Amino acid sequence: MRLLYTLILTISLPLVLLRLYWRSLRNPAYRSRILERLGRLPALAKKEALWIHSVSVGETQAAEPLVKRLQEQFPDLPIVITTTTPTGSDRVKKLFGESVLHAYFPFDLPFAVRGFLKAIKPKILVMMETEVWPNLLAECERENIPTILANARLSERSAKGYARLGSFARETFGRISLVAAQSPADAERFLGLGVKSDRVRVTGSIKFDVRIPALVNEQAEALRRTWGGRPVWVAASTREGEEELILAAHGQVLRQMPQALLVLVPRHPERFDKVALLCQRDGFTYARRSADDLCRSETSVYLGDTMGELILFLSAADVAFVGGSLVPTGGHNVLEPAALGLPVIFGPHMFNFAMVSRMLLAEGAAVEVADVDALTKWIVDWLSDANLRAVYGENALRVVEANRGALDRLFDILQTYLEKA
């Protein structure tokens, strides 16, 4: 079955390269360093490295405290971080500078994976959250390189999809050296797909261990002043088809609270211009962060069209809506706003963060809405009632504080593997 998988990938490679070229027409960074994705790169480290793969900006951000702890404990250990997108690459550079090495993740083809392993000579491979690649795992097993799925989560929908692959899925998942699962439910799903029981541990989510730097709070206060002390709600990491709903809700909010400001932060940078046009089409006066536009009294939407500033926007807001949840994409990280003591709203499609969203709902820290009218109601209720806001926000913060510690547990696991290697 893996042979068939490899054959399909090989046949598809020209289309994949064409897609990268098409994306590069909007973002030239997709054209650069293309050979890295094919496993063609010079030796990155003079000695065996720790390889951490974090597919996107969110996973890279979540891995930051883990990477910095590892650097403190193992100062001479080279760390290579791979991502799949230029935005992920930019985030690695911003977080770690020259203290780590960055490369683009290789295509899951045997020749590309072998070339990559030869270049970085990893002691162990740490894959963040849900990254499972059959040829990569097979080549690491052949080279006796331990593979750890860290902060691992697997939605019920994804588990069912993998299960349809039968023995191929069991063979692939069975190669993972250790799964550090976010929850017992995640652990059970990995066991059901063939991971051996002695290779699964429940460590919790390291996203509960988020710490907000003091500098961010200072910057948020300054940003808030430029907004004129208005009631502010953030729509964070919104997806295609969702901004129209958000803007419709904001239009209703403005009829009841004319001074309310929406900070709209699309998930993907290639959609920033399109979302700006949506704001214009729907008649909203908007300011763009990327252009340093002033937020005037008549500005009703502040477009957060920059990368890496979501935590700043959240820190300056009163209420947070978490995107990817009014459309069926599975939601995004609800713990950043919760860690800031913000009341959290999300839609019905939170299957990628099912455990955490259920916890927040059960503790009176969040609400789930199904449509524009319900979203409008809760935004108005919270923006107009500071006491009600505080109750939900304090509950959110309490959930986060009660579940910290996953970072320590995961670090202990990695330390054991590194000391053995």
Protein backbone atom coordinates (compact mmCIF):
# COMPACT_ATOMS: atom_id res chain seq x y z
CA MET A 1 0.00 0.00 0.00
CA ARG A 2 2.87 2.40 0.76
CA LEU A 3 4.23 1.68 -2.71
CA LEU A 4 0.91 2.78 -4.23
CA TYR A 5 0.90 5.88 -2.00
CA THR A 6 4.42 6.75 -3.18
CA LEU A 7 3.47 6.17 -6.81
CA ILE A 8 0.49 8.52 -6.51
CA LEU A 9 2.65 11.18 -4.85
CA THR A 10 5.31 10.82 -7.54
CA ILE A 11 2.77 11.21 -10.33
CA SER A 12 1.28 14.21 -8.51
CA LEU A 13 4.62 15.94 -7.97
CA PRO A 14 4.45 18.10 -11.15
CA LEU A 15 1.00 19.32 -10.06
CA VAL A 16 2.30 20.09 -6.57
CA LEU A 17 5.19 22.08 -8.02
CA LEU A 18 2.78 23.88 -10.33
CA ARG A 19 0.60 24.79 -7.36
CA LEU A 20 3.63 26.20 -5.54
CA TYR A 21 4.44 28.25 -8.62
CA TRP A 22 0.85 29.52 -8.80
CA ARG A 23 0.98 30.53 -5.14
CA SER A 24 4.32 32.22 -5.77
CA LEU A 25 2.61 34.63 -8.17
CA ARG A 26 1.06 36.20 -5.09
CA ASN A 27 3.89 35.42 -2.70
CA PRO A 28 7.33 35.00 -4.37
CA ALA A 29 8.65 33.27 -1.24
CA TYR A 30 6.93 30.07 -2.41
CA ARG A 31 9.47 29.93 -5.27
CA SER A 32 12.51 30.25 -3.06
CA ARG A 33 14.37 27.29 -1.56
CA ILE A 34 12.27 24.83 -3.56
CA LEU A 35 15.13 22.30 -3.53
CA GLU A 36 14.75 21.92 0.24
CA ARG A 37 11.31 20.41 -0.36
CA LEU A 38 13.00 17.88 -2.65
CA GLY A 39 15.58 16.94 -0.01
CA ARG A 40 18.37 18.77 -1.82
CA LEU A 41 20.14 20.94 0.72
CA PRO A 42 23.63 21.25 2.21
CA ALA A 43 24.42 19.77 5.60
CA LEU A 44 22.70 22.06 8.09
CA ALA A 45 24.48 21.00 11.25
CA LYS A 46 27.96 19.76 12.08
CA LYS A 47 26.54 17.22 14.51
CA GLU A 48 23.29 15.40 15.09
CA ALA A 49 20.36 17.77 15.47
CA LEU A 50 16.94 17.81 17.04
CA TRP A 51 14.38 18.09 14.24
CA ILE A 52 11.07 19.77 15.11
CA HIS A 53 8.35 19.96 12.47
CA SER A 54 5.59 22.52 13.00
CA VAL A 55 3.43 22.79 9.93
CA SER A 56 2.14 26.34 10.38
CA VAL A 57 2.35 29.57 12.35
CA GLY A 58 0.09 28.30 15.14
CA GLU A 59 2.10 25.17 15.83
CA THR A 60 5.35 27.15 15.67
CA GLN A 61 4.01 29.65 18.18
CA ALA A 62 2.88 26.85 20.49
CA ALA A 63 6.31 25.21 20.27
CA GLU A 64 8.18 28.38 21.29
CA PRO A 65 8.39 27.70 25.07
CA LEU A 66 9.37 24.08 24.41
CA VAL A 67 12.17 25.10 22.03
CA LYS A 68 13.50 27.71 24.43
CA ARG A 69 13.47 25.23 27.32
CA LEU A 70 15.40 22.74 25.17
CA GLN A 71 17.93 25.42 24.24
CA GLU A 72 18.50 26.19 27.92
CA GLN A 73 18.96 22.53 28.86
CA PHE A 74 20.93 21.48 25.74
CA PRO A 75 22.81 24.63 24.63
CA ASP A 76 25.10 22.72 22.26
CA LEU A 77 22.30 20.82 20.52
CA PRO A 78 21.53 22.12 17.00
CA ILE A 79 17.78 22.52 16.47
CA VAL A 80 16.27 22.38 12.99
CA ILE A 81 12.68 23.58 12.63
CA THR A 82 10.75 22.80 9.46
CA THR A 83 7.55 24.42 8.24
CA THR A 84 5.56 24.14 5.03
CA THR A 85 4.81 27.80 4.32
CA PRO A 86 6.76 31.07 4.04
CA THR A 87 4.64 32.53 6.85
CA GLY A 88 5.79 29.67 9.06
CA SER A 89 9.38 30.36 8.04
CA ASP A 90 8.97 34.05 8.89
CA ARG A 91 7.55 33.14 12.28
CA VAL A 92 10.52 30.87 13.06
CA LYS A 93 12.91 33.70 12.23
CA LYS A 94 10.97 36.19 14.34
CA LEU A 95 10.76 33.90 17.37
CA PHE A 96 14.23 32.36 17.33
CA GLY A 97 16.44 34.44 15.04
CA GLU A 98 19.70 32.67 14.27
CA SER A 99 19.51 30.39 17.31
CA VAL A 100 17.80 27.64 15.27
CA LEU A 101 18.10 26.42 11.69
CA HIS A 102 15.09 26.54 9.40
CA ALA A 103 14.26 24.49 6.32
CA TYR A 104 11.12 23.69 4.38
CA PHE A 105 9.61 20.28 5.10
CA PRO A 106 10.44 17.75 2.38
CA PHE A 107 7.82 16.15 0.18
CA ASP A 108 6.93 12.71 1.53
CA LEU A 109 8.83 10.86 -1.17
CA PRO A 110 11.62 8.41 -0.28
CA PHE A 111 14.36 10.23 -2.21
CA ALA A 112 13.40 13.60 -0.69
CA VAL A 113 13.16 12.24 2.84
CA ARG A 114 16.48 10.38 2.57
CA GLY A 115 18.24 13.47 1.27
CA PHE A 116 16.78 15.53 4.07
CA LEU A 117 17.78 13.05 6.78
CA LYS A 118 21.30 12.94 5.39
CA ALA A 119 21.55 16.74 5.54
CA ILE A 120 20.33 17.25 9.11
CA LYS A 121 21.27 13.94 10.77
CA PRO A 122 18.52 14.12 13.41
CA LYS A 123 18.86 12.47 16.82
CA ILE A 124 15.09 12.49 17.11
CA LEU A 125 12.18 13.90 15.13
CA VAL A 126 9.43 15.79 16.97
CA MET A 127 6.26 16.34 14.95
CA MET A 128 3.78 18.83 16.37
CA GLU A 129 0.10 17.92 16.74
CA THR A 130 -1.13 15.91 13.72
CA GLU A 131 1.76 15.49 11.29
CA VAL A 132 1.83 11.85 10.13
CA TRP A 133 3.74 11.04 6.92
CA PRO A 134 4.13 7.37 5.87
CA ASN A 135 7.46 7.55 4.02
CA LEU A 136 9.02 9.86 6.58
CA LEU A 137 8.10 7.49 9.40
CA ALA A 138 9.33 4.48 7.43
CA GLU A 139 12.70 6.11 6.66
CA CYS A 140 13.15 7.22 10.27
CA GLU A 141 12.42 3.68 11.44
CA ARG A 142 14.97 2.34 8.94
CA GLU A 143 17.59 4.79 10.27
CA ASN A 144 16.68 4.10 13.93
CA ILE A 145 15.59 7.72 14.47
CA PRO A 146 12.95 8.00 17.23
CA THR A 147 9.78 9.83 16.14
CA ILE A 148 7.62 11.64 18.68
CA LEU A 149 4.20 13.10 17.96
CA ALA A 150 4.07 15.96 20.46
CA ASN A 151 1.02 17.85 21.69
CA ALA A 152 -0.80 15.26 19.61
CA ARG A 153 -4.44 15.63 18.74
CA LEU A 154 -6.69 13.69 16.41
CA SER A 155 -10.30 14.65 15.80
CA GLU A 156 -12.99 12.01 15.52
CA ARG A 157 -13.46 12.98 11.88
CA SER A 158 -9.74 12.55 11.08
CA ALA A 159 -9.58 9.25 12.95
CA LYS A 160 -12.44 7.87 10.87
CA GLY A 161 -10.70 9.04 7.70
CA TYR A 162 -7.46 7.28 8.63
CA ALA A 163 -9.36 4.15 9.69
CA ARG A 164 -10.67 3.76 6.14
CA LEU A 165 -7.08 3.12 5.05
CA GLY A 166 -7.05 -0.09 7.09
CA SER A 167 -3.70 -1.85 7.40
CA PHE A 168 -1.85 1.03 5.73
CA ALA A 169 -2.90 3.38 8.53
CA ARG A 170 -2.07 0.82 11.23
CA GLU A 171 1.35 0.20 9.69
CA THR A 172 2.05 3.95 9.49
CA PHE A 173 0.87 4.86 12.99
CA GLY A 174 2.57 1.77 14.39
CA ARG A 175 5.94 3.24 13.42
CA ILE A 176 5.60 6.24 15.75
CA SER A 177 7.96 5.87 18.72
CA LEU A 178 5.80 7.85 21.14
CA VAL A 179 2.56 9.84 21.07
CA ALA A 180 2.23 12.60 23.69
CA ALA A 181 -1.53 13.11 23.44
CA GLN A 182 -3.47 16.18 24.47
CA SER A 183 -6.36 14.21 26.00
CA PRO A 184 -7.52 10.67 26.83
CA ALA A 185 -9.90 10.83 23.84
CA ASP A 186 -7.01 11.68 21.52
CA ALA A 187 -4.97 8.86 23.04
CA GLU A 188 -7.77 6.35 22.39
CA ARG A 189 -8.00 7.39 18.75
CA PHE A 190 -4.27 6.90 18.25
CA LEU A 191 -4.47 3.49 19.91
CA GLY A 192 -7.33 2.58 17.59
CA LEU A 193 -5.13 3.38 14.59
CA GLY A 194 -2.31 1.06 15.58
CA VAL A 195 -0.03 2.94 17.96
CA LYS A 196 1.19 0.47 20.59
CA SER A 197 -0.25 1.03 24.06
CA ASP A 198 3.16 1.45 25.70
CA ARG A 199 3.92 4.26 23.24
CA VAL A 200 0.99 6.52 24.15
CA ARG A 201 0.95 9.00 27.03
CA VAL A 202 -1.52 11.72 27.90
CA THR A 203 0.47 14.89 28.60
CA GLY A 204 -2.16 17.57 27.98
CA SER A 205 -1.99 20.54 25.63
CA ILE A 206 1.06 22.78 25.80
CA LYS A 207 -1.18 25.60 24.58
CA PHE A 208 -2.46 25.84 28.17
CA ASP A 209 1.08 26.91 29.10
CA VAL A 210 0.87 30.08 27.03
CA ARG A 211 2.44 33.10 28.75
CA ILE A 212 1.76 36.63 27.59
CA PRO A 213 4.95 38.75 27.64
CA ALA A 214 4.74 42.00 29.60
CA LEU A 215 5.83 43.89 26.50
CA VAL A 216 2.70 42.73 24.67
CA ASN A 217 0.51 44.14 27.44
CA GLU A 218 2.29 47.50 27.15
CA GLN A 219 1.88 47.51 23.37
CA ALA A 220 -1.79 46.55 23.73
CA GLU A 221 -2.45 49.48 26.05
CA ALA A 222 -0.86 51.83 23.54
CA LEU A 223 -2.89 50.34 20.68
CA ARG A 224 -6.06 50.57 22.71
CA ARG A 225 -5.45 54.28 23.22
CA THR A 226 -5.26 54.80 19.45
CA TRP A 227 -8.71 53.19 19.23
CA GLY A 228 -10.10 55.85 21.53
CA GLY A 229 -11.28 53.62 24.37
CA ARG A 230 -14.12 52.16 22.29
CA PRO A 231 -15.77 48.77 22.95
CA VAL A 232 -13.76 46.28 20.88
CA TRP A 233 -14.33 42.73 19.71
CA VAL A 234 -11.84 40.64 17.75
CA ALA A 235 -12.72 38.07 15.11
CA ALA A 236 -9.56 35.96 15.17
CA SER A 237 -8.24 33.67 12.42
CA THR A 238 -11.32 33.95 10.22
CA ARG A 239 -11.69 31.73 7.17
CA GLU A 240 -13.21 32.07 3.71
CA GLY A 241 -16.99 32.31 3.87
CA GLU A 242 -16.85 33.46 7.48
CA GLU A 243 -16.00 37.14 7.11
CA GLU A 244 -19.35 37.81 5.42
CA LEU A 245 -21.10 36.45 8.53
CA ILE A 246 -18.82 38.42 10.86
CA LEU A 247 -19.47 41.66 8.99
CA ALA A 248 -23.22 41.01 8.98
CA ALA A 249 -23.10 40.55 12.75
CA HIS A 250 -21.01 43.69 13.17
CA GLY A 251 -23.56 45.66 11.16
CA GLN A 252 -26.22 44.58 13.66
CA VAL A 253 -23.92 45.38 16.59
CA LEU A 254 -23.37 48.91 15.27
CA ARG A 255 -27.11 49.57 15.18
CA GLN A 256 -27.16 49.04 18.95
CA MET A 257 -23.63 50.23 19.80
CA PRO A 258 -22.50 52.77 17.17
CA GLN A 259 -19.03 53.15 18.74
CA ALA A 260 -18.19 49.43 18.65
CA LEU A 261 -15.02 48.47 16.77
CA LEU A 262 -14.43 45.13 15.06
CA VAL A 263 -10.82 43.98 14.73
CA LEU A 264 -10.97 41.50 11.85
CA VAL A 265 -7.96 39.16 11.54
CA PRO A 266 -8.07 36.72 8.59
CA ARG A 267 -6.18 33.46 9.05
CA HIS A 268 -4.28 33.51 5.75
CA PRO A 269 -2.29 36.50 4.44
CA GLU A 270 -3.15 35.79 0.80
CA ARG A 271 -6.76 36.73 1.64
CA PHE A 272 -6.03 40.10 3.28
CA ASP A 273 -6.84 42.13 0.16
CA LYS A 274 -9.99 40.15 -0.54
CA VAL A 275 -11.28 40.75 2.98
CA ALA A 276 -10.53 44.47 2.62
CA LEU A 277 -12.70 44.48 -0.50
CA LEU A 278 -15.46 42.72 1.45
CA CYS A 279 -15.37 45.48 4.06
CA GLN A 280 -15.58 48.08 1.31
CA ARG A 281 -18.37 46.25 -0.51
CA ASP A 282 -20.48 46.01 2.63
CA GLY A 283 -20.13 49.71 3.34
CA PHE A 284 -17.80 49.64 6.34
CA THR A 285 -15.22 52.34 6.94
CA TYR A 286 -12.06 50.38 7.65
CA ALA A 287 -8.42 50.91 8.55
CA ARG A 288 -5.58 48.52 7.65
CA ARG A 289 -2.91 47.67 10.17
CA SER A 290 -0.39 46.95 7.41
CA ALA A 291 -0.76 50.50 6.07
CA ASP A 292 -0.55 52.11 9.52
CA ASP A 293 -3.98 53.62 8.87
CA LEU A 294 -5.33 55.73 11.71
CA CYS A 295 -8.39 54.35 13.45
CA ARG A 296 -10.70 57.36 13.38
CA SER A 297 -14.03 57.85 15.13
CA GLU A 298 -15.87 56.84 11.94
CA THR A 299 -13.76 53.66 11.49
CA SER A 300 -15.91 50.63 12.23
CA VAL A 301 -13.53 47.82 11.16
CA TYR A 302 -9.80 47.57 11.91
CA LEU A 303 -8.29 44.99 9.54
CA GLY A 304 -5.47 43.08 11.24
CA ASP A 305 -3.68 42.27 7.99
CA THR A 306 -0.28 41.48 9.50
CA MET A 307 1.33 38.25 10.68
CA GLY A 308 2.29 37.45 14.27
CA GLU A 309 0.21 40.19 15.92
CA LEU A 310 -2.94 38.28 16.83
CA ILE A 311 -1.97 38.08 20.50
CA LEU A 312 -1.52 41.88 20.48
CA PHE A 313 -4.99 42.44 19.02
CA LEU A 314 -6.52 40.04 21.54
CA SER A 315 -4.72 41.77 24.40
CA ALA A 316 -6.27 45.08 23.35
CA ALA A 317 -9.82 43.72 23.01
CA ASP A 318 -12.83 43.16 25.26
CA VAL A 319 -14.31 40.06 23.59
CA ALA A 320 -12.92 37.38 21.25
CA PHE A 321 -14.61 35.38 18.52
CA VAL A 322 -12.51 32.40 17.37
CA GLY A 323 -12.67 31.84 13.63
CA GLY A 324 -12.84 28.71 11.54
CA SER A 325 -15.87 27.73 13.60
CA LEU A 326 -18.86 29.24 11.77
CA VAL A 327 -17.66 27.35 8.69
CA PRO A 328 -16.71 23.64 8.86
CA THR A 329 -12.92 23.98 9.11
CA GLY A 330 -12.59 22.86 12.73
CA GLY A 331 -11.89 26.08 14.60
CA HIS A 332 -8.66 27.58 15.90
CA ASN A 333 -6.85 28.09 19.18
CA VAL A 334 -9.27 29.24 21.90
CA LEU A 335 -6.65 29.24 24.64
CA GLU A 336 -4.90 32.48 23.70
CA PRO A 337 -7.98 34.63 24.38
CA ALA A 338 -8.84 32.49 27.41
CA ALA A 339 -5.34 33.01 28.84
CA LEU A 340 -5.93 36.75 28.52
CA GLY A 341 -9.11 36.50 30.56
CA LEU A 342 -11.37 37.28 27.61
CA PRO A 343 -14.87 35.86 27.18
CA VAL A 344 -14.77 33.60 24.12
CA ILE A 345 -17.33 32.99 21.39
CA PHE A 346 -17.12 30.32 18.70
CA GLY A 347 -19.36 28.60 16.19
CA PRO A 348 -20.51 24.96 16.07
CA HIS A 349 -17.53 23.63 14.08
CA MET A 350 -14.81 23.24 16.72
CA PHE A 351 -13.91 19.62 16.02
CA ASN A 352 -10.16 20.34 15.94
CA PHE A 353 -10.39 21.77 19.45
CA ALA A 354 -13.28 19.71 20.77
CA MET A 355 -11.85 18.96 24.21
CA VAL A 356 -10.80 22.51 25.01
CA SER A 357 -13.99 24.09 23.68
CA ARG A 358 -16.11 21.68 25.76
CA MET A 359 -14.09 22.55 28.85
CA LEU A 360 -14.64 26.27 28.35
CA LEU A 361 -18.35 25.80 27.75
CA ALA A 362 -18.74 23.59 30.83
CA GLU A 363 -17.02 26.15 33.06
CA GLY A 364 -19.03 29.13 31.84
CA ALA A 365 -16.03 30.64 30.07
CA ALA A 366 -17.35 30.60 26.49
CA VAL A 367 -20.51 30.43 24.42
CA GLU A 368 -21.25 28.60 21.19
CA VAL A 369 -23.34 30.34 18.55
CA ALA A 370 -24.91 28.92 15.42
CA ASP A 371 -25.75 32.03 13.41
CA VAL A 372 -25.34 35.77 12.94
CA ASP A 373 -28.20 36.71 15.26
CA ALA A 374 -26.81 34.69 18.18
CA LEU A 375 -23.33 36.08 17.58
CA THR A 376 -24.72 39.63 17.58
CA LYS A 377 -26.63 39.05 20.81
CA TRP A 378 -23.59 37.85 22.75
CA ILE A 379 -21.29 40.55 21.38
CA VAL A 380 -23.75 43.25 22.43
CA ASP A 381 -24.41 41.63 25.83
CA TRP A 382 -20.71 41.38 26.66
CA LEU A 383 -19.63 44.73 25.26
CA SER A 384 -22.40 46.51 27.16
CA ASP A 385 -21.95 44.72 30.51
CA ALA A 386 -18.46 44.79 32.03
CA ASN A 387 -19.54 42.65 35.00
CA LEU A 388 -20.90 39.89 32.78
CA ARG A 389 -17.74 40.07 30.69
CA ALA A 390 -15.62 39.73 33.80
CA VAL A 391 -17.44 36.60 34.98
CA TYR A 392 -16.83 34.76 31.71
CA GLY A 393 -13.28 36.09 31.43
CA GLU A 394 -12.35 35.01 34.95
CA ASN A 395 -13.79 31.56 34.28
CA ALA A 396 -11.71 31.32 31.09
CA LEU A 397 -8.53 32.26 32.91
CA ARG A 398 -9.30 29.74 35.64
CA VAL A 399 -9.63 26.92 33.07
CA VAL A 400 -6.23 27.79 31.62
CA GLU A 401 -4.51 28.00 35.01
CA ALA A 402 -5.98 24.68 36.14
CA ASN A 403 -4.60 22.83 33.13
CA ARG A 404 -1.03 24.10 32.92
CA GLY A 405 1.85 21.63 33.14
CA ALA A 406 1.82 19.87 29.77
CA LEU A 407 5.01 21.66 28.78
CA ASP A 408 6.90 20.17 31.74
CA ARG A 409 5.61 16.68 31.00
CA LEU A 410 6.52 16.90 27.32
CA PHE A 411 9.95 18.31 28.10
CA ASP A 412 10.67 15.39 30.45
CA ILE A 413 9.86 12.95 27.65
CA LEU A 414 12.12 14.70 25.14
CA GLN A 415 14.91 15.01 27.69
CA THR A 416 14.84 11.24 28.23
CA TYR A 417 15.08 10.56 24.49
CA LEU A 418 17.85 13.10 23.96
CA GLU A 419 19.94 11.73 26.80
CA LYS A 420 19.60 8.22 25.37
CA ALA A 421 20.44 9.23 21.79
